[in-house]
Protein backbone atom coordinates (compact mmCIF):
# COMPACT_ATOMS: atom_id res chain seq x y z
CA PRO A 1 32.01 -9.73 -9.88
CA SER A 2 30.55 -10.08 -13.36
CA SER A 3 26.94 -9.58 -12.26
CA VAL A 4 25.77 -7.30 -9.49
CA TYR A 5 22.43 -7.90 -7.78
CA ASN A 6 20.30 -4.77 -7.89
CA GLY A 7 16.88 -5.41 -6.32
CA PRO A 8 15.04 -2.27 -7.50
CA LEU A 9 16.40 -2.61 -11.04
CA LEU A 10 15.41 -6.28 -11.17
CA PHE A 11 11.91 -5.41 -9.94
CA LEU A 12 11.55 -2.62 -12.52
CA SER A 13 12.80 -4.91 -15.27
CA SER A 14 10.27 -7.57 -14.28
CA CYS A 15 7.43 -5.02 -14.29
CA LEU A 16 8.41 -3.72 -17.71
CA ASP A 17 8.66 -7.26 -19.08
CA TRP A 18 5.17 -7.99 -17.75
CA LEU A 19 3.76 -4.82 -19.35
CA VAL A 20 5.39 -5.47 -22.74
CA TYR A 21 4.91 -9.24 -22.86
CA ARG A 22 1.60 -9.40 -21.04
CA PRO A 23 -0.05 -12.82 -21.03
CA SER A 24 -3.39 -13.22 -22.76
CA PRO A 25 -6.40 -12.54 -20.53
CA PRO A 26 -8.67 -15.44 -19.55
CA LYS A 27 -11.48 -16.17 -22.02
CA ARG A 28 -14.84 -14.59 -21.18
CA SER A 29 -13.20 -11.99 -18.92
CA ILE A 30 -13.83 -8.25 -19.20
CA THR A 31 -10.23 -7.70 -20.30
CA ALA A 32 -10.60 -10.32 -23.05
CA HIS A 33 -13.72 -8.47 -24.22
CA TYR A 34 -11.78 -5.18 -24.42
CA VAL A 35 -8.99 -6.86 -26.40
CA ASP A 36 -11.51 -8.36 -28.85
CA LEU A 37 -13.28 -5.00 -29.17
CA ALA A 38 -10.02 -3.20 -30.00
CA LYS A 39 -9.10 -5.86 -32.57
CA SER A 40 -12.56 -5.62 -34.16
CA VAL A 41 -12.42 -1.81 -34.44
CA ALA A 42 -8.88 -1.98 -35.85
CA LYS A 43 -9.90 -4.59 -38.42
CA GLN A 44 -12.90 -2.57 -39.62
CA SER A 45 -10.79 0.61 -39.80
CA CYS A 46 -8.08 -1.13 -41.88
CA MET A 47 -5.50 -0.57 -39.16
CA ILE A 48 -2.31 -2.59 -38.80
CA VAL A 49 -0.34 -3.59 -35.74
CA ALA A 50 2.84 -1.53 -35.45
CA PRO A 51 6.10 -2.92 -34.04
CA ASP A 52 5.25 -1.34 -30.67
CA GLY A 53 1.97 -3.28 -30.51
CA MET A 54 -0.27 -0.29 -31.19
CA TYR A 55 -2.86 -0.30 -33.98
CA GLU A 56 -2.06 2.30 -36.65
CA SER A 57 -3.62 3.64 -39.81
CA HIS A 58 -1.87 5.82 -42.36
CA SER A 59 -3.59 8.04 -44.92
CA ILE A 60 -2.03 10.40 -47.43
CA VAL A 61 -4.13 13.38 -48.41
CA SER A 62 -3.19 15.51 -51.41
CA ALA A 63 -4.69 18.87 -52.33
CA THR A 64 -3.99 21.42 -55.03
CA ALA A 65 -5.03 25.09 -54.97
CA PRO A 66 -6.45 26.77 -58.08
CA VAL A 67 -3.79 28.40 -60.23
CA THR A 68 -4.07 31.79 -61.91
CA SER A 69 -1.76 32.85 -64.70
CA THR A 70 0.49 34.92 -62.39
CA GLU A 71 0.86 32.39 -59.57
CA THR A 72 2.84 29.21 -59.31
CA PRO A 73 0.95 26.02 -58.48
CA LEU A 74 0.53 25.30 -54.79
CA SER A 75 0.34 21.69 -53.77
CA VAL A 76 -0.05 20.46 -50.22
CA THR A 77 0.42 16.88 -49.11
CA ALA A 78 -0.33 15.85 -45.56
CA THR A 79 0.12 12.53 -43.83
CA MET A 80 -2.31 11.56 -41.13
CA ARG A 81 -1.46 8.90 -38.57
CA ALA A 82 -4.13 7.55 -36.29
CA THR A 83 -3.31 5.32 -33.35
CA LEU A 84 -5.80 3.26 -31.42
């Protein structure tokens, strides 16, 4: 047969679909309030929505150490990623 019925796998697939493609919560519900709160914080923090649905913010920080005549310059660049 081309397709085999697998009950547990079908159930797991349905659960994962529901988690990934969750319907919007009803207006004026507590869950809707939490969604609006997260969107508001992300907007004020200049975060963007990543492909996985998480809110992310990227910052690049650059620092240079003082240089004496016998040392070579030391430069450090760090990338910070915050996820909400």
